[in-house]
C-alpha atoms as a PDB file:
ATOM      1  CA  MET A   1     -25.759 -19.416  -0.504  1.00  0.00           C
ATOM      2  CA  ARG A   2     -25.048 -22.487   1.593  1.00  0.00           C
ATOM      3  CA  ARG A   3     -24.598 -22.142   5.313  1.00  0.00           C
ATOM      4  CA  LYS A   4     -21.334 -23.389   6.686  1.00  0.00           C
ATOM      5  CA  SER A   5     -21.464 -26.239   9.130  1.00  0.00           C
ATOM      6  CA  ARG A   6     -20.701 -25.536  12.756  1.00  0.00           C
ATOM      7  CA  SER A   7     -17.312 -27.258  12.535  1.00  0.00           C
ATOM      8  CA  ALA A   8     -16.404 -25.231   9.436  1.00  0.00           C
ATOM      9  CA  MET A   9     -17.301 -22.023  11.274  1.00  0.00           C
ATOM     10  CA  GLU A  10     -15.269 -23.140  14.282  1.00  0.00           C
ATOM     11  CA  GLU A  11     -12.327 -23.810  11.971  1.00  0.00           C
ATOM     12  CA  VAL A  12     -12.606 -20.323  10.460  1.00  0.00           C
ATOM     13  CA  THR A  13     -12.813 -18.811  13.938  1.00  0.00           C
ATOM     14  CA  ALA A  14      -9.771 -20.769  15.092  1.00  0.00           C
ATOM     15  CA  LYS A  15      -7.779 -19.623  12.036  1.00  0.00           C
ATOM     16  CA  ALA A  16      -8.794 -16.001  12.638  1.00  0.00           C
ATOM     17  CA  LYS A  17      -7.736 -16.206  16.289  1.00  0.00           C
ATOM     18  CA  LYS A  18      -4.414 -17.736  15.271  1.00  0.00           C
ATOM     19  CA  LEU A  19      -3.848 -14.940  12.739  1.00  0.00           C
ATOM     20  CA  VAL A  20      -4.660 -12.249  15.322  1.00  0.00           C
ATOM     21  CA  LYS A  21      -2.310 -13.894  17.816  1.00  0.00           C
ATOM     22  CA  ARG A  22       0.505 -14.013  15.245  1.00  0.00           C
ATOM     23  CA  LYS A  23      -0.003 -10.392  14.186  1.00  0.00           C
ATOM     24  CA  THR A  24      -0.186  -9.069  17.750  1.00  0.00           C
ATOM     25  CA  LYS A  25       2.982 -10.994  18.592  1.00  0.00           C
ATOM     26  CA  GLY A  26       4.667  -9.206  15.687  1.00  0.00           C
ATOM     27  CA  LEU A  27       3.463  -5.833  16.966  1.00  0.00           C
ATOM     28  CA  ARG A  28       4.730  -6.623  20.453  1.00  0.00           C
ATOM     29  CA  ASN A  29       8.185  -7.208  18.966  1.00  0.00           C
ATOM     30  CA  VAL A  30       8.191  -3.903  17.045  1.00  0.00           C
ATOM     31  CA  VAL A  31       6.431  -1.398  19.310  1.00  0.00           C
ATOM     32  CA  PRO A  32       8.622  -0.121  22.163  1.00  0.00           C
ATOM     33  CA  GLY A  33       7.297  -1.617  25.397  1.00  0.00           C
ATOM     34  CA  GLY A  34       4.930  -3.838  23.443  1.00  0.00           C
ATOM     35  CA  GLU A  35       6.251  -7.014  24.995  1.00  0.00           C
ATOM     36  CA  PHE A  36       4.805  -5.848  28.326  1.00  0.00           C
ATOM     37  CA  MET A  37       1.304  -5.136  26.961  1.00  0.00           C
ATOM     38  CA  SER A  38      -1.118  -7.993  27.525  1.00  0.00           C
ATOM     39  CA  ASN A  39      -4.142  -5.942  26.445  1.00  0.00           C
ATOM     40  CA  ASN A  40      -4.585  -5.990  22.648  1.00  0.00           C
ATOM     41  CA  VAL A  41      -6.565  -2.738  22.627  1.00  0.00           C
ATOM     42  CA  LEU A  42      -3.740  -0.941  24.436  1.00  0.00           C
ATOM     43  CA  LEU A  43      -1.217  -2.538  22.074  1.00  0.00           C
ATOM     44  CA  ILE A  44      -3.107  -1.251  19.036  1.00  0.00           C
ATOM     45  CA  GLN A  45      -3.438   2.237  20.547  1.00  0.00           C
ATOM     46  CA  GLU A  46       0.290   2.319  21.279  1.00  0.00           C
ATOM     47  CA  THR A  47       1.022   1.033  17.774  1.00  0.00           C
ATOM     48  CA  LEU A  48      -0.985   3.887  16.262  1.00  0.00           C
ATOM     49  CA  ASP A  49       0.822   6.415  18.465  1.00  0.00           C
ATOM     50  CA  TYR A  50       4.162   4.886  17.459  1.00  0.00           C
ATOM     51  CA  ILE A  51       3.288   5.154  13.765  1.00  0.00           C
ATOM     52  CA  VAL A  52       2.403   8.839  14.199  1.00  0.00           C
ATOM     53  CA  SER A  53       5.681   9.383  16.060  1.00  0.00           C
ATOM     54  CA  LEU A  54       7.687   7.687  13.312  1.00  0.00           C
ATOM     55  CA  GLN A  55       5.908   9.716  10.628  1.00  0.00           C
ATOM     56  CA  THR A  56       6.717  12.917  12.523  1.00  0.00           C
ATOM     57  CA  GLN A  57      10.377  11.893  12.723  1.00  0.00           C
ATOM     58  CA  VAL A  58      10.439  11.244   8.980  1.00  0.00           C
ATOM     59  CA  ASN A  59       8.908  14.660   8.299  1.00  0.00           C
ATOM     60  CA  VAL A  60      11.496  16.383  10.515  1.00  0.00           C
ATOM     61  CA  MET A  61      14.334  14.523   8.796  1.00  0.00           C
ATOM     62  CA  ARG A  62      12.975  15.495   5.384  1.00  0.00           C
ATOM     63  CA  SER A  63      12.858  19.128   6.483  1.00  0.00           C
ATOM     64  CA  ILE A  64      16.466  18.937   7.678  1.00  0.00           C
ATOM     65  CA  VAL A  65      17.585  17.393   4.387  1.00  0.00           C
ATOM     66  CA  ASP A  66      15.646  19.994   2.386  1.00  0.00           C
ATOM     67  CA  ALA A  67      17.214  22.811   4.412  1.00  0.00           C
ATOM     68  CA  ALA A  68      20.698  21.335   4.032  1.00  0.00           C
ATOM     69  CA  GLU A  69      20.245  20.913   0.285  1.00  0.00           C
ATOM     70  CA  ALA A  70      18.977  24.491  -0.021  1.00  0.00           C
ATOM     71  CA  GLY A  71      22.076  25.705   1.851  1.00  0.00           C
ATOM     72  CA  VAL A  72      24.390  23.789  -0.490  1.00  0.00           C
ATOM     73  CA  GLU A  73      22.766  25.293  -3.588  1.00  0.00           C
ATOM     74  CA  ARG A  74      23.591  28.876  -2.521  1.00  0.00           C
END
Protein backbone atom coordinates (compact mmCIF):
# COMPACT_ATOMS: atom_id res chain seq x y z
CA MET A 1 0.00 0.00 0.00
CA ARG A 2 1.32 3.42 -0.95
CA ARG A 3 1.76 6.05 1.69
CA LYS A 4 -0.11 9.26 1.14
CA SER A 5 1.93 12.39 0.72
CA ARG A 6 1.92 14.93 3.51
CA SER A 7 -0.27 17.33 1.52
CA ALA A 8 -2.77 14.56 0.77
CA MET A 9 -2.95 13.72 4.48
CA GLU A 10 -3.39 17.40 5.32
CA GLU A 11 -6.22 17.58 2.78
CA VAL A 12 -7.94 14.56 4.35
CA THR A 13 -7.52 16.10 7.80
CA ALA A 14 -8.94 19.42 6.62
CA LYS A 15 -11.96 17.66 5.07
CA ALA A 16 -12.56 15.69 8.27
CA LYS A 17 -12.40 18.86 10.37
CA LYS A 18 -14.83 20.58 8.00
CA LEU A 19 -17.23 17.62 8.25
CA VAL A 20 -17.06 17.62 12.06
CA LYS A 21 -17.67 21.37 12.12
CA ARG A 22 -20.70 21.02 9.83
CA LYS A 23 -22.17 18.14 11.84
CA THR A 24 -21.66 19.84 15.20
CA LYS A 25 -23.29 22.99 13.82
CA GLY A 26 -26.29 20.85 12.88
CA LEU A 27 -26.44 19.39 16.39
CA ARG A 28 -26.25 22.86 17.92
CA ASN A 29 -29.33 23.81 15.90
CA VAL A 30 -31.32 20.75 17.02
CA VAL A 31 -30.34 20.16 20.65
CA PRO A 32 -32.03 22.55 23.10
CA GLY A 33 -29.38 24.94 24.40
CA GLY A 34 -26.87 23.58 21.90
CA GLU A 35 -26.17 26.97 20.40
CA PHE A 36 -24.58 27.98 23.71
CA MET A 37 -22.27 24.94 23.93
CA SER A 38 -18.77 25.64 22.66
CA ASN A 39 -17.39 22.34 23.95
CA ASN A 40 -17.99 19.50 21.47
CA VAL A 41 -17.76 16.81 24.16
CA LEU A 42 -20.50 18.52 26.17
CA LEU A 43 -22.57 18.94 23.00
CA ILE A 44 -22.33 15.22 22.24
CA GLN A 45 -23.21 14.29 25.83
CA GLU A 46 -26.24 16.58 25.73
CA THR A 47 -27.21 15.17 22.34
CA LEU A 48 -27.17 11.64 23.75
CA ASP A 49 -29.27 12.74 26.74
CA TYR A 50 -31.70 14.47 24.37
CA ILE A 51 -32.05 11.32 22.26
CA VAL A 52 -32.83 9.27 25.38
CA SER A 53 -35.38 11.88 26.44
CA LEU A 54 -37.06 11.83 23.03
CA GLN A 55 -37.16 8.03 23.02
CA THR A 56 -38.78 8.07 26.47
CA GLN A 57 -41.40 10.54 25.22
CA VAL A 58 -42.15 8.30 22.24
CA ASN A 59 -42.55 5.29 24.54
CA VAL A 60 -44.95 7.20 26.81
CA MET A 61 -46.99 8.36 23.82
CA ARG A 62 -47.17 4.81 22.49
CA SER A 63 -48.40 3.62 25.88
CA ILE A 64 -51.09 6.32 25.91
CA VAL A 65 -52.22 5.38 22.40
CA ASP A 66 -52.25 1.67 23.29
CA ALA A 67 -54.32 2.38 26.41
CA ALA A 68 -56.74 4.59 24.48
CA GLU A 69 -57.15 1.97 21.76
CA ALA A 70 -57.75 -0.73 24.37
CA GLY A 71 -60.45 1.46 25.96
CA VAL A 72 -62.18 1.96 22.60
CA GLU A 73 -62.29 -1.78 21.92
CA ARG A 74 -64.31 -2.51 25.08
